[in-house]
């Protein structure tokens, strides 16, 4: 083994120790966020807790309410040697789910981001001959569960200047990559005319009929879409009383495809279902697509392989279950980030097989048992950051792979069917 490799191994061991030294305060940070769950764009206490956390750490420049009210940025550096600065980003999420709190473990995502950043900063700062000038940035990114805060932050330029970005998400298994897919929310509102349902129903225009037809249209459409496309939704408002013809109904649907280039196609098909239901019933319809559409994750195999290698050195046993590795899972606004900055979004086991978005997972994400696995994932991220910092060839490969993959996806987006979705209107 070369002297350079020996040195890298020692530095990786040291960054792990730096994270372990901070484990008590990191656990308190996670617990404070977990014990006070807040919904998307309302994470004020979590924001303040994280801002206070980094403000109390020596050397960090902290910007509260960065670009968004409940977002923040903490930066340190440049530290290290000579030459151009390499800027490494770590992301924190901290929004919860309605009714069941941190059932997706975003308190642990915040902890992983903070731990990785603290460990890398401590290592660079304490290594007198660290050969690279480094800037460490932590971005607090609200509203992943609803709205897409990272997309808002991209629009505001929050990710400009970063060379590479990391975050990790809790799950039932360890995996360097899972196929998170493109997704767009849509709300459909039908406007009819109220009337007495028994005395003179012919005077009414039944908005519930429109909602039911819409639901059935989409159910039939499922037979003709690709197996890996997804359409799922609910009727949020169906009327007031049985003896009043419903004058207003509302549905909410999520549309998902494996790639962002396919999303306009399923949107156009779904919109025909929305509007045909209005036409058949005589209702007016409003089709409101959410401000932000989530992209699929743009893979970076170089970073994924480095993370897996580092994880295995820490004892992580990555899943080999093909059903887990190949089936489409959820969607994340990190997908949009992955089209702006090269990065990875691995998943990590937290000591429980409970399913995300359940009350059982809320308990698991607050359990002290999750701490070992959370900090292990943080160490693997920090070690992966060290790989690209200390090997310019690796960082160049990461960037080239990113550029090639993005170009391919952009060509698919331009070459696919055009988005003929009409503008929101009645």
Protein backbone atom coordinates (compact mmCIF):
# COMPACT_ATOMS: atom_id res chain seq x y z
CA UNK A 1 0.00 0.00 0.00
CA UNK A 2 1.35 3.38 -0.98
CA UNK A 3 2.21 6.15 1.44
CA UNK A 4 -0.59 8.26 -0.05
CA UNK A 5 -3.15 5.51 0.60
CA UNK A 6 -1.87 5.01 4.15
CA UNK A 7 -2.31 8.72 4.77
CA UNK A 8 -5.85 8.67 3.39
CA UNK A 9 -6.80 5.73 5.61
CA UNK A 10 -5.47 7.56 8.64
CA UNK A 11 -7.38 10.71 7.73
CA UNK A 12 -10.59 8.74 7.32
CA UNK A 13 -10.11 7.18 10.73
CA UNK A 14 -9.48 10.60 12.16
CA UNK A 15 -12.62 12.12 10.63
CA UNK A 16 -14.60 9.29 12.21
CA UNK A 17 -13.12 10.10 15.60
CA UNK A 18 -13.95 13.78 15.12
CA UNK A 19 -17.60 12.84 14.57
CA UNK A 20 -17.61 10.55 17.59
CA UNK A 21 -16.28 13.36 19.76
CA UNK A 22 -19.37 15.42 18.89
CA UNK A 23 -21.91 12.58 19.27
CA UNK A 24 -23.56 13.84 22.46
CA UNK A 25 -24.40 17.29 21.12
CA UNK A 26 -25.42 15.79 17.77
CA UNK A 27 -27.83 13.45 19.55
CA UNK A 28 -29.33 16.38 21.47
CA UNK A 29 -29.76 18.28 18.21
CA UNK A 30 -31.61 15.37 16.64
CA UNK A 31 -33.80 14.85 19.70
CA UNK A 32 -34.75 18.52 19.90
CA UNK A 33 -35.91 18.46 16.27
CA UNK A 34 -37.69 15.11 16.69
CA UNK A 35 -39.57 16.23 19.81
CA UNK A 36 -41.02 19.30 18.10
CA UNK A 37 -42.19 18.21 14.61
CA UNK A 38 -43.04 21.03 12.21
CA UNK A 39 -44.59 20.96 8.76
CA UNK A 40 -43.15 22.21 5.47
CA UNK A 41 -42.17 25.89 5.41
CA UNK A 42 -43.12 26.14 9.11
CA UNK A 43 -39.95 24.62 10.63
CA UNK A 44 -39.15 27.71 12.70
CA UNK A 45 -37.98 25.95 15.86
CA UNK A 46 -35.86 23.46 13.90
CA UNK A 47 -34.37 26.34 11.92
CA UNK A 48 -33.55 28.29 15.08
CA UNK A 49 -32.08 25.21 16.77
CA UNK A 50 -29.78 24.47 13.84
CA UNK A 51 -28.76 28.11 13.47
CA UNK A 52 -27.92 28.20 17.20
CA UNK A 53 -26.04 24.89 16.90
CA UNK A 54 -23.66 26.16 14.23
CA UNK A 55 -23.41 29.64 15.75
CA UNK A 56 -22.06 28.05 18.92
CA UNK A 57 -19.42 26.12 16.97
CA UNK A 58 -16.19 28.05 16.49
CA UNK A 59 -15.37 29.29 12.99
CA UNK A 60 -18.75 28.94 11.27
CA UNK A 61 -20.39 31.85 9.48
CA UNK A 62 -24.12 31.35 9.82
CA UNK A 63 -26.88 32.93 7.73
CA UNK A 64 -30.34 32.40 9.17
CA UNK A 65 -33.44 32.68 6.97
CA UNK A 66 -31.17 32.07 3.97
CA UNK A 67 -33.20 32.51 0.76
CA UNK A 68 -36.29 31.09 2.53
CA UNK A 69 -37.73 31.88 5.95
CA UNK A 70 -36.89 28.48 7.43
CA UNK A 71 -33.69 27.76 5.46
CA UNK A 72 -30.15 28.47 6.67
CA UNK A 73 -26.55 28.33 5.53
CA UNK A 74 -23.46 27.67 7.62
CA UNK A 75 -20.02 27.98 6.02
CA UNK A 76 -16.47 27.40 7.16
CA UNK A 77 -13.22 27.93 5.31
CA UNK A 78 -11.29 27.97 3.21
CA UNK A 79 -9.00 25.86 5.33
CA UNK A 80 -6.07 23.71 4.28
CA UNK A 81 -3.30 24.18 1.78
CA UNK A 82 -2.77 26.13 -1.43
CA UNK A 83 -4.55 26.25 -4.76
CA UNK A 84 -8.16 26.56 -5.79
CA UNK A 85 -10.85 26.10 -3.13
CA UNK A 86 -12.97 22.95 -3.31
CA UNK A 87 -16.44 23.62 -1.91
CA UNK A 88 -18.20 20.66 -0.29
CA UNK A 89 -21.86 20.87 0.67
CA UNK A 90 -23.91 18.87 3.17
CA UNK A 91 -27.70 19.13 3.30
CA UNK A 92 -30.04 19.04 6.28
CA UNK A 93 -33.75 18.33 6.13
CA UNK A 94 -36.03 18.81 9.14
CA UNK A 95 -39.70 19.02 8.15
CA UNK A 96 -42.15 16.47 9.53
CA UNK A 97 -45.40 14.85 8.41
CA UNK A 98 -48.88 15.93 9.50
CA UNK A 99 -50.24 13.93 12.41
CA UNK A 100 -47.35 11.49 12.80
CA UNK A 101 -44.32 13.73 13.24
CA UNK A 102 -40.87 12.63 12.07
CA UNK A 103 -42.10 9.45 10.41
CA UNK A 104 -39.51 9.87 7.66
CA UNK A 105 -36.60 10.55 10.00
CA UNK A 106 -35.73 14.04 8.83
CA UNK A 107 -34.37 14.78 12.30
CA UNK A 108 -31.72 12.17 11.47
CA UNK A 109 -31.05 13.72 8.07
CA UNK A 110 -30.33 17.01 9.86
CA UNK A 111 -28.02 15.16 12.23
CA UNK A 112 -26.16 13.39 9.41
CA UNK A 113 -25.60 16.68 7.59
CA UNK A 114 -24.38 18.43 10.71
CA UNK A 115 -22.17 15.50 11.78
CA UNK A 116 -20.49 15.11 8.38
CA UNK A 117 -19.77 18.82 8.20
CA UNK A 118 -18.41 19.04 11.75
CA UNK A 119 -16.20 16.01 11.20
CA UNK A 120 -14.75 17.26 7.92
CA UNK A 121 -14.17 20.75 9.27
CA UNK A 122 -12.47 19.42 12.42
CA UNK A 123 -10.22 17.16 10.38
CA UNK A 124 -9.08 19.85 7.93
CA UNK A 125 -8.59 22.35 10.74
CA UNK A 126 -6.48 19.98 12.82
CA UNK A 127 -4.32 18.65 9.95
CA UNK A 128 -1.44 21.08 9.55
CA UNK A 129 -0.40 19.86 6.11
CA UNK A 130 -3.86 19.22 4.65
CA UNK A 131 -3.05 19.70 0.96
CA UNK A 132 -6.31 21.18 -0.35
CA UNK A 133 -8.09 24.44 0.39
CA UNK A 134 -11.56 23.46 1.53
CA UNK A 135 -14.81 25.27 2.13
CA UNK A 136 -17.50 23.32 4.01
CA UNK A 137 -21.09 24.46 3.54
CA UNK A 138 -24.19 23.22 5.32
CA UNK A 139 -27.53 24.11 3.78
CA UNK A 140 -30.72 23.74 5.76
CA UNK A 141 -33.37 22.83 3.20
CA UNK A 142 -36.99 22.98 4.40
CA UNK A 143 -40.18 21.55 2.92
CA UNK A 144 -39.05 18.29 1.33
CA UNK A 145 -42.29 16.53 2.26
CA UNK A 146 -44.51 19.15 0.67
CA UNK A 147 -43.54 21.91 -1.72
CA UNK A 148 -39.89 21.27 -2.54
CA UNK A 149 -37.79 23.75 -0.59
CA UNK A 150 -34.59 22.74 -2.39
CA UNK A 151 -36.19 23.70 -5.70
CA UNK A 152 -37.04 27.13 -4.28
CA UNK A 153 -33.44 27.44 -3.10
CA UNK A 154 -32.06 26.42 -6.50
CA UNK A 155 -34.18 29.15 -8.05
CA UNK A 156 -32.64 31.62 -5.57
CA UNK A 157 -29.06 30.53 -6.36
CA UNK A 158 -28.37 28.82 -3.03
CA UNK A 159 -26.34 25.99 -4.60
CA UNK A 160 -24.08 28.15 -6.74
CA UNK A 161 -20.37 27.62 -6.11
CA UNK A 162 -20.64 24.11 -4.66
CA UNK A 163 -18.43 21.46 -6.28
CA UNK A 164 -20.14 18.44 -4.76
CA UNK A 165 -23.05 17.88 -2.37
CA UNK A 166 -24.02 15.10 0.04
CA UNK A 167 -26.96 13.99 2.14
CA UNK A 168 -28.27 10.65 3.44
CA UNK A 169 -31.82 9.48 4.14
CA UNK A 170 -32.99 6.89 6.71
CA UNK A 171 -34.76 3.75 5.50
CA UNK A 172 -35.08 0.03 6.29
CA UNK A 173 -31.86 -0.86 4.43
CA UNK A 174 -28.48 0.57 3.50
CA UNK A 175 -28.15 1.45 -0.18
CA UNK A 176 -25.83 3.85 -2.03
CA UNK A 177 -28.67 4.61 -4.45
CA UNK A 178 -32.38 3.92 -4.86
CA UNK A 179 -34.48 4.98 -7.85
CA UNK A 180 -36.29 8.07 -6.57
CA UNK A 181 -38.50 9.25 -9.41
CA UNK A 182 -39.80 12.46 -10.96
CA UNK A 183 -43.08 13.73 -9.50
CA UNK A 184 -45.57 16.57 -9.85
CA UNK A 185 -48.53 17.35 -7.57
CA UNK A 186 -51.79 18.51 -9.09
CA UNK A 187 -55.02 19.78 -7.56
CA UNK A 188 -58.26 19.51 -9.53
CA UNK A 189 -61.25 21.66 -8.56
CA UNK A 190 -64.73 21.18 -10.03
CA UNK A 191 -67.35 23.91 -9.81
CA UNK A 192 -70.98 22.95 -10.31
CA UNK A 193 -74.27 24.35 -9.08
CA UNK A 194 -76.05 23.53 -5.82
CA UNK A 195 -79.67 22.49 -5.75
CA UNK A 196 -82.06 20.45 -3.61
CA UNK A 197 -81.13 16.86 -4.37
CA UNK A 198 -84.68 15.56 -3.92
CA UNK A 199 -87.02 18.44 -4.81
CA UNK A 200 -85.36 19.69 -8.02
CA UNK A 201 -82.10 17.88 -8.81
CA UNK A 202 -82.41 18.91 -12.46
CA UNK A 203 -81.52 22.45 -11.44
CA UNK A 204 -78.14 21.35 -10.13
CA UNK A 205 -74.76 20.68 -11.75
CA UNK A 206 -73.15 17.89 -9.77
CA UNK A 207 -69.48 18.52 -9.03
CA UNK A 208 -69.23 15.19 -7.20
CA UNK A 209 -70.16 13.40 -10.41
CA UNK A 210 -67.24 15.20 -12.06
CA UNK A 211 -64.88 14.13 -9.26
CA UNK A 212 -66.03 10.51 -9.50
CA UNK A 213 -65.64 10.51 -13.28
CA UNK A 214 -62.18 12.02 -12.90
CA UNK A 215 -61.21 9.33 -10.40
CA UNK A 216 -62.53 6.59 -12.68
CA UNK A 217 -60.93 8.12 -15.78
CA UNK A 218 -57.54 7.99 -14.08
CA UNK A 219 -58.14 4.45 -12.84
CA UNK A 220 -58.85 3.36 -16.42
CA UNK A 221 -55.82 5.30 -17.68
CA UNK A 222 -53.59 3.17 -15.43
CA UNK A 223 -54.21 0.22 -17.76
CA UNK A 224 -52.54 2.09 -20.62
CA UNK A 225 -49.51 3.61 -18.91
CA UNK A 226 -46.05 2.17 -18.45
CA UNK A 227 -45.57 -0.24 -15.51
CA UNK A 228 -43.16 2.10 -13.76
CA UNK A 229 -45.41 5.19 -14.01
CA UNK A 230 -47.57 6.03 -11.01
CA UNK A 231 -50.85 7.92 -10.54
CA UNK A 232 -52.36 8.13 -7.08
CA UNK A 233 -54.64 10.56 -5.31
CA UNK A 234 -57.59 11.36 -3.08
CA UNK A 235 -60.89 13.24 -3.14
CA UNK A 236 -60.26 15.99 -0.58
CA UNK A 237 -63.72 17.55 -0.75
CA UNK A 238 -66.81 15.74 -1.94
CA UNK A 239 -69.75 17.89 -0.92
CA UNK A 240 -71.59 19.08 2.17
CA UNK A 241 -74.82 17.09 2.71
CA UNK A 242 -76.61 14.30 0.84
CA UNK A 243 -79.62 16.50 0.11
CA UNK A 244 -77.55 19.23 -1.54
CA UNK A 245 -76.22 18.71 -5.06
CA UNK A 246 -72.44 19.26 -4.55
CA UNK A 247 -71.41 22.59 -6.06
CA UNK A 248 -67.70 22.09 -5.37
CA UNK A 249 -65.32 19.14 -5.21
CA UNK A 250 -61.56 18.89 -5.04
CA UNK A 251 -59.05 16.14 -5.73
CA UNK A 252 -55.29 15.95 -5.23
CA UNK A 253 -53.08 13.64 -7.27
CA UNK A 254 -49.40 12.80 -7.52
CA UNK A 255 -48.04 11.92 -10.96
CA UNK A 256 -44.71 10.04 -11.09
CA UNK A 257 -42.39 8.79 -13.80
CA UNK A 258 -38.86 7.33 -13.59
CA UNK A 259 -37.36 10.33 -15.42
CA UNK A 260 -38.25 13.98 -15.66
CA UNK A 261 -38.41 13.68 -19.46
CA UNK A 262 -41.49 11.42 -19.15
CA UNK A 263 -43.34 13.64 -16.71
CA UNK A 264 -44.88 15.98 -19.36
CA UNK A 265 -46.35 12.93 -21.12
CA UNK A 266 -48.22 11.59 -18.10
CA UNK A 267 -49.31 15.12 -17.18
CA UNK A 268 -50.90 15.62 -20.60
CA UNK A 269 -52.70 12.25 -20.40
CA UNK A 270 -53.96 12.97 -16.89
CA UNK A 271 -55.18 16.43 -17.81
CA UNK A 272 -57.41 14.98 -20.52
CA UNK A 273 -59.01 12.87 -17.77
CA UNK A 274 -59.53 15.94 -15.58
CA UNK A 275 -61.10 18.05 -18.31
CA UNK A 276 -63.24 15.35 -19.90
CA UNK A 277 -64.96 14.79 -16.54
CA UNK A 278 -65.87 18.47 -16.45
CA UNK A 279 -67.15 18.38 -20.01
CA UNK A 280 -69.32 15.31 -19.34
CA UNK A 281 -71.00 16.84 -16.29
CA UNK A 282 -71.22 20.47 -17.29
CA UNK A 283 -68.90 21.61 -14.53
CA UNK A 284 -66.12 24.12 -14.73
CA UNK A 285 -62.67 22.85 -13.77
CA UNK A 286 -59.48 24.36 -12.41
CA UNK A 287 -56.31 22.32 -12.88
CA UNK A 288 -53.52 23.59 -10.64
CA UNK A 289 -50.12 21.96 -10.93
CA UNK A 290 -47.85 22.67 -7.98
CA UNK A 291 -45.21 25.36 -8.37
CA UNK A 292 -42.40 22.82 -8.15
CA UNK A 293 -42.02 19.50 -9.95
CA UNK A 294 -39.54 17.02 -8.46
CA UNK A 295 -36.87 15.59 -10.78
CA UNK A 296 -35.52 12.06 -10.63
CA UNK A 297 -32.07 11.71 -9.08
CA UNK A 298 -29.26 12.05 -11.60
CA UNK A 299 -26.95 9.22 -10.64
CA UNK A 300 -23.25 9.65 -10.05
CA UNK A 301 -21.75 6.17 -9.99
CA UNK A 302 -18.30 7.45 -9.05
CA UNK A 303 -19.61 8.95 -5.83
CA UNK A 304 -21.93 6.00 -5.18
CA UNK A 305 -19.06 3.52 -5.47
CA UNK A 306 -16.88 5.61 -3.15
CA UNK A 307 -19.66 5.80 -0.57
CA UNK A 308 -20.23 2.05 -0.76
CA UNK A 309 -16.51 1.33 -0.36
CA UNK A 310 -16.29 3.62 2.66
CA UNK A 311 -19.47 2.23 4.14
CA UNK A 312 -18.20 -1.33 3.90
CA UNK A 313 -15.01 -0.28 5.68
CA UNK A 314 -17.25 0.92 8.53
CA UNK A 315 -19.18 -2.35 8.63
CA UNK A 316 -22.22 -1.33 6.60
CA UNK A 317 -23.90 -4.28 4.88
CA UNK A 318 -25.55 -2.88 1.79
CA UNK A 319 -28.73 -4.54 0.57
CA UNK A 320 -28.53 -6.86 -2.43
CA UNK A 321 -32.30 -7.29 -2.64
CA UNK A 322 -33.14 -6.59 -6.29
CA UNK A 323 -36.72 -5.69 -5.38
CA UNK A 324 -35.44 -2.92 -3.11
CA UNK A 325 -32.75 -1.75 -5.53
CA UNK A 326 -34.81 -1.64 -8.72
CA UNK A 327 -38.37 -0.77 -7.71
CA UNK A 328 -39.28 2.88 -7.87
CA UNK A 329 -39.55 4.37 -4.42
CA UNK A 330 -40.63 7.88 -3.54
CA UNK A 331 -39.59 11.26 -4.84
CA UNK A 332 -37.31 13.92 -3.41
CA UNK A 333 -36.36 17.47 -4.26
CA UNK A 334 -32.75 16.31 -4.01
CA UNK A 335 -33.39 15.09 -7.54
CA UNK A 336 -33.48 18.70 -8.69
CA UNK A 337 -30.25 19.40 -6.80
CA UNK A 338 -28.58 16.48 -8.57
CA UNK A 339 -29.14 18.28 -11.91
CA UNK A 340 -27.37 21.39 -10.58
CA UNK A 341 -24.45 19.99 -8.53
CA UNK A 342 -22.97 16.47 -8.61
CA UNK A 343 -23.94 14.61 -5.47
CA UNK A 344 -25.38 11.51 -3.84
CA UNK A 345 -28.42 10.69 -1.72
CA UNK A 346 -27.72 7.27 -0.15
CA UNK A 347 -30.07 5.52 2.28
CA UNK A 348 -29.16 4.14 5.70
CA UNK A 349 -30.64 1.61 8.11
CA UNK A 350 -31.48 2.94 11.59
CA UNK A 351 -31.93 -0.29 13.53
CA UNK A 352 -35.59 -0.85 12.64
CA UNK A 353 -37.53 -2.49 9.83
CA UNK A 354 -40.52 -0.20 10.41
CA UNK A 355 -41.77 1.45 7.23
CA UNK A 356 -41.32 5.15 6.56
CA UNK A 357 -44.38 7.38 6.95
CA UNK A 358 -45.79 5.24 9.77
CA UNK A 359 -46.11 5.86 13.50
CA UNK A 360 -43.68 3.01 14.07
CA UNK A 361 -41.02 4.83 12.08
CA UNK A 362 -41.61 7.98 14.10
CA UNK A 363 -40.70 6.00 17.21
CA UNK A 364 -37.67 4.46 15.47
CA UNK A 365 -36.31 7.82 14.30
CA UNK A 366 -36.34 9.08 17.89
CA UNK A 367 -34.88 5.91 19.41
CA UNK A 368 -31.37 6.14 20.82
CA UNK A 369 -30.58 2.92 18.93
CA UNK A 370 -30.69 4.94 15.68
CA UNK A 371 -27.68 7.01 16.75
CA UNK A 372 -25.01 4.43 15.94
CA UNK A 373 -26.32 3.97 12.40
CA UNK A 374 -26.87 7.68 11.84
CA UNK A 375 -23.32 8.61 12.79
CA UNK A 376 -21.97 5.69 10.74
CA UNK A 377 -23.69 7.12 7.66
CA UNK A 378 -22.27 10.55 8.48
CA UNK A 379 -18.78 9.07 8.67
CA UNK A 380 -19.21 7.37 5.29
CA UNK A 381 -20.27 10.69 3.73
CA UNK A 382 -17.34 12.57 5.27
CA UNK A 383 -14.93 9.85 4.12
CA UNK A 384 -16.35 10.09 0.59
CA UNK A 385 -15.81 13.84 0.69
CA UNK A 386 -12.19 13.18 1.67
CA UNK A 387 -11.76 10.88 -1.33
CA UNK A 388 -12.71 13.61 -3.80
CA UNK A 389 -10.83 16.30 -1.92
CA UNK A 390 -7.55 14.41 -1.85
CA UNK A 391 -7.70 12.98 -5.36
CA UNK A 392 -8.20 15.68 -8.03
CA UNK A 393 -8.62 12.96 -10.64
CA UNK A 394 -11.63 11.59 -8.76
CA UNK A 395 -13.25 15.00 -8.45
CA UNK A 396 -12.69 15.56 -12.17
CA UNK A 397 -14.28 12.18 -12.93
CA UNK A 398 -17.26 13.08 -10.72
CA UNK A 399 -17.75 16.32 -12.62
CA UNK A 400 -17.34 14.72 -16.04
CA UNK A 401 -19.83 11.99 -15.20
CA UNK A 402 -22.26 14.64 -13.96
CA UNK A 403 -21.91 16.68 -17.17
CA UNK A 404 -22.38 13.62 -19.41
CA UNK A 405 -25.41 12.35 -17.49
CA UNK A 406 -27.02 15.79 -17.44
CA UNK A 407 -26.47 16.24 -21.18
CA UNK A 408 -28.10 12.87 -21.84
CA UNK A 409 -31.13 13.74 -19.68
CA UNK A 410 -31.43 17.18 -21.29
CA UNK A 411 -31.48 15.58 -24.74
CA UNK A 412 -34.19 13.18 -23.58
CA UNK A 413 -36.22 16.09 -22.23
CA UNK A 414 -35.93 18.02 -25.50
CA UNK A 415 -36.46 14.95 -27.65
CA UNK A 416 -39.55 13.67 -25.83
CA UNK A 417 -43.12 14.65 -26.46
CA UNK A 418 -43.74 18.34 -25.90
CA UNK A 419 -45.62 19.47 -22.83
CA UNK A 420 -48.94 20.56 -24.32
CA UNK A 421 -50.54 20.93 -20.92
CA UNK A 422 -52.86 23.95 -21.03
CA UNK A 423 -52.33 26.75 -18.58
CA UNK A 424 -54.37 26.67 -15.37
CA UNK A 425 -57.84 27.90 -16.21
CA UNK A 426 -61.50 27.26 -15.67
